[in-house]
C-alpha atoms as a PDB file:
ATOM      1  CA  UNK A   1     376.671 171.431  21.503  1.00  0.00           C
ATOM      2  CA  UNK A   2     374.218 169.279  20.060  1.00  0.00           C
ATOM      3  CA  UNK A   3     373.421 165.671  20.782  1.00  0.00           C
ATOM      4  CA  UNK A   4     371.510 163.808  18.345  1.00  0.00           C
ATOM      5  CA  UNK A   5     369.195 160.931  18.610  1.00  0.00           C
ATOM      6  CA  UNK A   6     372.061 158.471  17.297  1.00  0.00           C
ATOM      7  CA  UNK A   7     374.236 159.756  20.625  1.00  0.00           C
ATOM      8  CA  UNK A   8     376.634 161.806  18.298  1.00  0.00           C
ATOM      9  CA  UNK A   9     377.658 165.172  19.861  1.00  0.00           C
ATOM     10  CA  UNK A  10     377.893 168.128  16.941  1.00  0.00           C
ATOM     11  CA  UNK A  11     380.815 170.183  18.252  1.00  0.00           C
ATOM     12  CA  UNK A  12     381.390 173.981  17.456  1.00  0.00           C
ATOM     13  CA  UNK A  13     384.239 172.877  15.498  1.00  0.00           C
ATOM     14  CA  UNK A  14     381.993 171.233  12.782  1.00  0.00           C
ATOM     15  CA  UNK A  15     382.858 167.698  13.675  1.00  0.00           C
ATOM     16  CA  UNK A  16     380.441 165.024  15.154  1.00  0.00           C
ATOM     17  CA  UNK A  17     381.923 163.041  17.804  1.00  0.00           C
ATOM     18  CA  UNK A  18     380.884 160.107  19.822  1.00  0.00           C
ATOM     19  CA  UNK A  19     378.766 160.798  22.823  1.00  0.00           C
ATOM     20  CA  UNK A  20     381.065 159.556  25.468  1.00  0.00           C
ATOM     21  CA  UNK A  21     384.018 162.308  24.466  1.00  0.00           C
ATOM     22  CA  UNK A  22     381.592 165.175  25.858  1.00  0.00           C
ATOM     23  CA  UNK A  23     383.100 168.526  25.906  1.00  0.00           C
ATOM     24  CA  UNK A  24     386.259 167.903  27.957  1.00  0.00           C
ATOM     25  CA  UNK A  25     389.136 169.011  26.401  1.00  0.00           C
ATOM     26  CA  UNK A  26     391.215 166.172  27.740  1.00  0.00           C
ATOM     27  CA  UNK A  27     388.482 163.414  26.755  1.00  0.00           C
ATOM     28  CA  UNK A  28     388.069 165.122  23.483  1.00  0.00           C
ATOM     29  CA  UNK A  29     391.852 165.135  22.398  1.00  0.00           C
ATOM     30  CA  UNK A  30     392.035 161.402  23.508  1.00  0.00           C
ATOM     31  CA  UNK A  31     388.846 160.587  21.435  1.00  0.00           C
ATOM     32  CA  UNK A  32     390.635 162.170  18.379  1.00  0.00           C
ATOM     33  CA  UNK A  33     394.155 160.883  18.487  1.00  0.00           C
ATOM     34  CA  UNK A  34     394.099 157.978  20.385  1.00  0.00           C
ATOM     35  CA  UNK A  35     390.759 155.891  20.856  1.00  0.00           C
ATOM     36  CA  UNK A  36     390.059 153.673  17.893  1.00  0.00           C
ATOM     37  CA  UNK A  37     393.814 153.884  16.287  1.00  0.00           C
ATOM     38  CA  UNK A  38     395.414 150.629  15.896  1.00  0.00           C
ATOM     39  CA  UNK A  39     398.129 150.243  18.478  1.00  0.00           C
ATOM     40  CA  UNK A  40     400.848 147.340  17.883  1.00  0.00           C
ATOM     41  CA  UNK A  41     403.590 148.098  20.019  1.00  0.00           C
ATOM     42  CA  UNK A  42     403.516 145.568  22.974  1.00  0.00           C
ATOM     43  CA  UNK A  43     404.744 147.766  25.899  1.00  0.00           C
ATOM     44  CA  UNK A  44     401.983 150.754  24.784  1.00  0.00           C
ATOM     45  CA  UNK A  45     399.230 147.521  24.684  1.00  0.00           C
ATOM     46  CA  UNK A  46     400.442 146.081  27.945  1.00  0.00           C
ATOM     47  CA  UNK A  47     400.242 149.832  29.611  1.00  0.00           C
ATOM     48  CA  UNK A  48     396.655 150.433  28.256  1.00  0.00           C
ATOM     49  CA  UNK A  49     395.808 146.870  29.461  1.00  0.00           C
ATOM     50  CA  UNK A  50     396.808 147.623  32.963  1.00  0.00           C
ATOM     51  CA  UNK A  51     394.901 151.101  32.829  1.00  0.00           C
ATOM     52  CA  UNK A  52     391.504 149.716  31.618  1.00  0.00           C
ATOM     53  CA  UNK A  53     392.012 147.499  34.883  1.00  0.00           C
ATOM     54  CA  UNK A  54     392.551 150.532  37.008  1.00  0.00           C
ATOM     55  CA  UNK A  55     389.328 152.256  35.642  1.00  0.00           C
ATOM     56  CA  UNK A  56     386.997 149.111  36.831  1.00  0.00           C
ATOM     57  CA  UNK A  57     384.334 151.056  38.546  1.00  0.00           C
ATOM     58  CA  UNK A  58     385.587 154.350  37.814  1.00  0.00           C
ATOM     59  CA  UNK A  59     385.331 156.440  34.856  1.00  0.00           C
ATOM     60  CA  UNK A  60     388.179 156.386  32.049  1.00  0.00           C
ATOM     61  CA  UNK A  61     388.433 160.428  32.401  1.00  0.00           C
ATOM     62  CA  UNK A  62     389.492 159.915  35.906  1.00  0.00           C
ATOM     63  CA  UNK A  63     392.453 157.143  34.892  1.00  0.00           C
ATOM     64  CA  UNK A  64     393.194 159.536  31.856  1.00  0.00           C
ATOM     65  CA  UNK A  65     393.853 162.524  34.179  1.00  0.00           C
ATOM     66  CA  UNK A  66     395.982 160.319  36.402  1.00  0.00           C
ATOM     67  CA  UNK A  67     397.947 158.731  33.367  1.00  0.00           C
ATOM     68  CA  UNK A  68     401.288 160.339  33.626  1.00  0.00           C
ATOM     69  CA  UNK A  69     401.256 159.641  37.911  1.00  0.00           C
ATOM     70  CA  UNK A  70     400.946 155.805  36.870  1.00  0.00           C
ATOM     71  CA  UNK A  71     403.732 156.184  34.337  1.00  0.00           C
ATOM     72  CA  UNK A  72     406.003 157.811  36.910  1.00  0.00           C
ATOM     73  CA  UNK A  73     404.940 155.356  39.869  1.00  0.00           C
ATOM     74  CA  UNK A  74     405.076 152.346  37.446  1.00  0.00           C
ATOM     75  CA  UNK A  75     408.588 152.598  36.110  1.00  0.00           C
ATOM     76  CA  UNK A  76     406.984 154.015  32.492  1.00  0.00           C
ATOM     77  CA  UNK A  77     405.030 150.592  32.411  1.00  0.00           C
ATOM     78  CA  UNK A  78     408.388 148.798  31.690  1.00  0.00           C
ATOM     79  CA  UNK A  79     407.637 145.008  32.306  1.00  0.00           C
ATOM     80  CA  UNK A  80     410.769 144.242  32.971  1.00  0.00           C
ATOM     81  CA  UNK A  81     410.943 146.644  35.926  1.00  0.00           C
ATOM     82  CA  UNK A  82     407.993 146.208  37.065  1.00  0.00           C
ATOM     83  CA  UNK A  83     407.663 142.268  37.284  1.00  0.00           C
ATOM     84  CA  UNK A  84     410.484 143.171  39.898  1.00  0.00           C
ATOM     85  CA  UNK A  85     408.510 144.857  42.157  1.00  0.00           C
ATOM     86  CA  UNK A  86     408.279 143.493  45.657  1.00  0.00           C
ATOM     87  CA  UNK A  87     405.921 144.143  48.888  1.00  0.00           C
ATOM     88  CA  UNK A  88     407.995 146.772  49.631  1.00  0.00           C
ATOM     89  CA  UNK A  89     407.085 148.525  46.252  1.00  0.00           C
ATOM     90  CA  UNK A  90     403.503 147.785  46.835  1.00  0.00           C
ATOM     91  CA  UNK A  91     403.120 149.397  50.064  1.00  0.00           C
ATOM     92  CA  UNK A  92     405.117 152.668  48.565  1.00  0.00           C
ATOM     93  CA  UNK A  93     402.289 152.372  45.793  1.00  0.00           C
ATOM     94  CA  UNK A  94     399.714 152.151  48.178  1.00  0.00           C
ATOM     95  CA  UNK A  95     400.972 155.490  49.719  1.00  0.00           C
ATOM     96  CA  UNK A  96     400.971 157.284  46.012  1.00  0.00           C
ATOM     97  CA  UNK A  97     398.538 159.823  45.752  1.00  0.00           C
ATOM     98  CA  UNK A  98     399.431 160.173  42.038  1.00  0.00           C
ATOM     99  CA  UNK A  99     397.433 156.786  41.165  1.00  0.00           C
ATOM    100  CA  UNK A 100     394.514 154.701  42.104  1.00  0.00           C
ATOM    101  CA  UNK A 101     395.555 153.169  45.449  1.00  0.00           C
ATOM    102  CA  UNK A 102     393.910 149.587  45.248  1.00  0.00           C
ATOM    103  CA  UNK A 103     396.064 146.720  46.608  1.00  0.00           C
ATOM    104  CA  UNK A 104     394.617 144.039  44.310  1.00  0.00           C
ATOM    105  CA  UNK A 105     394.967 146.088  41.473  1.00  0.00           C
ATOM    106  CA  UNK A 106     398.799 147.064  42.198  1.00  0.00           C
ATOM    107  CA  UNK A 107     399.450 143.781  42.720  1.00  0.00           C
ATOM    108  CA  UNK A 108     397.412 142.398  39.416  1.00  0.00           C
ATOM    109  CA  UNK A 109     399.729 145.108  37.323  1.00  0.00           C
ATOM    110  CA  UNK A 110     402.991 143.057  38.727  1.00  0.00           C
ATOM    111  CA  UNK A 111     401.137 139.872  37.833  1.00  0.00           C
ATOM    112  CA  UNK A 112     400.615 140.970  34.476  1.00  0.00           C
ATOM    113  CA  UNK A 113     403.997 142.327  34.047  1.00  0.00           C
ATOM    114  CA  UNK A 114     405.555 138.737  34.751  1.00  0.00           C
ATOM    115  CA  UNK A 115     402.687 137.318  31.980  1.00  0.00           C
ATOM    116  CA  UNK A 116     403.809 139.928  29.415  1.00  0.00           C
ATOM    117  CA  UNK A 117     407.334 138.555  29.870  1.00  0.00           C
ATOM    118  CA  UNK A 118     406.356 135.013  29.763  1.00  0.00           C
ATOM    119  CA  UNK A 119     404.581 135.936  26.445  1.00  0.00           C
ATOM    120  CA  UNK A 120     407.431 137.514  25.229  1.00  0.00           C
ATOM    121  CA  UNK A 121     409.703 134.650  26.157  1.00  0.00           C
ATOM    122  CA  UNK A 122     407.821 132.439  24.202  1.00  0.00           C
ATOM    123  CA  UNK A 123     408.615 133.967  20.901  1.00  0.00           C
ATOM    124  CA  UNK A 124     405.493 135.009  19.905  1.00  0.00           C
ATOM    125  CA  UNK A 125     405.240 138.733  21.169  1.00  0.00           C
ATOM    126  CA  UNK A 126     402.468 140.458  23.286  1.00  0.00           C
ATOM    127  CA  UNK A 127     401.508 142.415  20.328  1.00  0.00           C
ATOM    128  CA  UNK A 128     401.077 139.463  17.941  1.00  0.00           C
ATOM    129  CA  UNK A 129     399.365 137.440  20.962  1.00  0.00           C
ATOM    130  CA  UNK A 130     396.517 139.858  21.290  1.00  0.00           C
ATOM    131  CA  UNK A 131     396.267 140.912  17.525  1.00  0.00           C
ATOM    132  CA  UNK A 132     395.803 137.016  16.370  1.00  0.00           C
ATOM    133  CA  UNK A 133     392.175 137.121  18.137  1.00  0.00           C
ATOM    134  CA  UNK A 134     391.035 139.341  15.328  1.00  0.00           C
ATOM    135  CA  UNK A 135     393.393 137.810  12.429  1.00  0.00           C
ATOM    136  CA  UNK A 136     395.522 140.855  12.281  1.00  0.00           C
ATOM    137  CA  UNK A 137     393.472 143.531  11.353  1.00  0.00           C
ATOM    138  CA  UNK A 138     390.818 145.731  13.204  1.00  0.00           C
ATOM    139  CA  UNK A 139     387.218 144.892  13.445  1.00  0.00           C
ATOM    140  CA  UNK A 140     385.430 147.522  11.695  1.00  0.00           C
ATOM    141  CA  UNK A 141     382.307 148.734  13.522  1.00  0.00           C
ATOM    142  CA  UNK A 142     379.195 149.709  11.900  1.00  0.00           C
ATOM    143  CA  UNK A 143     376.968 151.189  14.467  1.00  0.00           C
ATOM    144  CA  UNK A 144     374.861 154.217  14.147  1.00  0.00           C
ATOM    145  CA  UNK A 145     373.934 154.925  17.382  1.00  0.00           C
ATOM    146  CA  UNK A 146     375.251 154.101  20.653  1.00  0.00           C
ATOM    147  CA  UNK A 147     372.259 151.210  21.351  1.00  0.00           C
ATOM    148  CA  UNK A 148     374.476 149.280  18.628  1.00  0.00           C
ATOM    149  CA  UNK A 149     377.490 149.233  20.784  1.00  0.00           C
ATOM    150  CA  UNK A 150     378.255 146.173  22.533  1.00  0.00           C
ATOM    151  CA  UNK A 151     379.472 146.335  26.267  1.00  0.00           C
ATOM    152  CA  UNK A 152     381.493 142.816  25.451  1.00  0.00           C
ATOM    153  CA  UNK A 153     381.363 140.327  22.387  1.00  0.00           C
ATOM    154  CA  UNK A 154     382.542 136.696  21.843  1.00  0.00           C
ATOM    155  CA  UNK A 155     385.951 137.962  21.117  1.00  0.00           C
ATOM    156  CA  UNK A 156     386.502 139.991  24.084  1.00  0.00           C
ATOM    157  CA  UNK A 157     385.203 137.040  26.412  1.00  0.00           C
ATOM    158  CA  UNK A 158     387.984 134.491  24.258  1.00  0.00           C
ATOM    159  CA  UNK A 159     390.484 137.112  24.871  1.00  0.00           C
ATOM    160  CA  UNK A 160     389.677 137.812  28.409  1.00  0.00           C
ATOM    161  CA  UNK A 161     389.862 133.741  29.199  1.00  0.00           C
ATOM    162  CA  UNK A 162     393.222 133.729  27.436  1.00  0.00           C
ATOM    163  CA  UNK A 163     394.599 137.000  29.377  1.00  0.00           C
ATOM    164  CA  UNK A 164     393.210 135.203  32.728  1.00  0.00           C
ATOM    165  CA  UNK A 165     395.200 131.831  31.540  1.00  0.00           C
ATOM    166  CA  UNK A 166     398.285 133.930  31.064  1.00  0.00           C
ATOM    167  CA  UNK A 167     398.014 135.301  34.724  1.00  0.00           C
ATOM    168  CA  UNK A 168     396.714 138.636  33.957  1.00  0.00           C
ATOM    169  CA  UNK A 169     394.281 140.196  36.384  1.00  0.00           C
ATOM    170  CA  UNK A 170     391.197 142.813  36.042  1.00  0.00           C
ATOM    171  CA  UNK A 171     390.684 141.632  32.561  1.00  0.00           C
ATOM    172  CA  UNK A 172     386.933 140.668  32.598  1.00  0.00           C
ATOM    173  CA  UNK A 173     385.129 140.369  29.349  1.00  0.00           C
ATOM    174  CA  UNK A 174     383.715 144.253  29.264  1.00  0.00           C
ATOM    175  CA  UNK A 175     387.226 145.624  30.655  1.00  0.00           C
ATOM    176  CA  UNK A 176     388.842 143.505  27.736  1.00  0.00           C
ATOM    177  CA  UNK A 177     385.942 145.009  25.152  1.00  0.00           C
ATOM    178  CA  UNK A 178     386.721 148.528  25.919  1.00  0.00           C
ATOM    179  CA  UNK A 179     390.576 147.863  25.674  1.00  0.00           C
ATOM    180  CA  UNK A 180     389.791 146.317  22.273  1.00  0.00           C
ATOM    181  CA  UNK A 181     388.005 149.530  21.383  1.00  0.00           C
ATOM    182  CA  UNK A 182     390.934 151.999  22.839  1.00  0.00           C
ATOM    183  CA  UNK A 183     393.604 150.249  21.201  1.00  0.00           C
ATOM    184  CA  UNK A 184     392.385 149.509  17.742  1.00  0.00           C
ATOM    185  CA  UNK A 185     391.637 146.295  17.597  1.00  0.00           C
ATOM    186  CA  UNK A 186     387.729 147.035  17.010  1.00  0.00           C
ATOM    187  CA  UNK A 187     386.971 150.313  15.600  1.00  0.00           C
ATOM    188  CA  UNK A 188     383.875 151.310  17.370  1.00  0.00           C
ATOM    189  CA  UNK A 189     383.400 155.043  16.619  1.00  0.00           C
ATOM    190  CA  UNK A 190     380.082 155.559  15.465  1.00  0.00           C
ATOM    191  CA  UNK A 191     379.554 155.748  11.642  1.00  0.00           C
ATOM    192  CA  UNK A 192     378.659 159.493  11.475  1.00  0.00           C
ATOM    193  CA  UNK A 193     381.653 160.117  13.934  1.00  0.00           C
ATOM    194  CA  UNK A 194     384.524 162.328  12.282  1.00  0.00           C
ATOM    195  CA  UNK A 195     386.781 159.598  13.385  1.00  0.00           C
ATOM    196  CA  UNK A 196     385.635 156.358  12.135  1.00  0.00           C
ATOM    197  CA  UNK A 197     386.791 157.042   8.572  1.00  0.00           C
ATOM    198  CA  UNK A 198     390.270 158.095   9.623  1.00  0.00           C
ATOM    199  CA  UNK A 199     390.403 154.796  11.852  1.00  0.00           C
ATOM    200  CA  UNK A 200     388.951 152.725   9.365  1.00  0.00           C
ATOM    201  CA  UNK A 201     391.592 153.428   6.667  1.00  0.00           C
ATOM    202  CA  UNK A 202     394.548 152.495   9.104  1.00  0.00           C
ATOM    203  CA  UNK A 203     393.630 148.924   9.122  1.00  0.00           C
ATOM    204  CA  UNK A 204     392.513 146.702   6.529  1.00  0.00           C
ATOM    205  CA  UNK A 205     388.625 145.759   6.929  1.00  0.00           C
ATOM    206  CA  UNK A 206     388.865 141.812   7.825  1.00  0.00           C
ATOM    207  CA  UNK A 207     386.427 139.142   6.261  1.00  0.00           C
ATOM    208  CA  UNK A 208     383.717 138.758   8.593  1.00  0.00           C
ATOM    209  CA  UNK A 209     382.807 142.216   9.960  1.00  0.00           C
ATOM    210  CA  UNK A 210     381.936 143.353  13.433  1.00  0.00           C
ATOM    211  CA  UNK A 211     382.397 141.235  16.121  1.00  0.00           C
END
């Protein structure tokens, strides 16, 4: 493995990847198959937003390795089921070693499910609510090195404010930007990464360039 000055890691398979994936097989698979791929399913977007909230203060790989545990604990991330969770469920989840046992984040997940359902009930849909912030098309990043990757943007700040107004928790601008990168609202693979082009091909380039 060689890491060049840009932050790209050159793997034995001949592919250059973003630095953050490292060599962990789970992380590399996530980088190659999920990160930056435009996601338009509302429930999948809700799940990822909640998991990014649980990541706060932790590494993403910690959450990634527990993803199935989270899915089991939170009813497959079915917002209708989670919205009905009670204090008894919170107490149960606080004893579940398959997830991150943080009461505020658990309670925030329940609040987020109710916010999701409220958005759906208005008829717009959660997916459209999110994608409207990028005019329906992924923002195509142009960074050639890790120094060019922002930790938050004007759009992530606006989306963070809107999510909080709807009742979501643990969705500050930095968390929201990481979420946007992960679900393909923004394609922030480095230009030299072998996944930048394929992800770019999955969505038209909007006028105005990167956020």
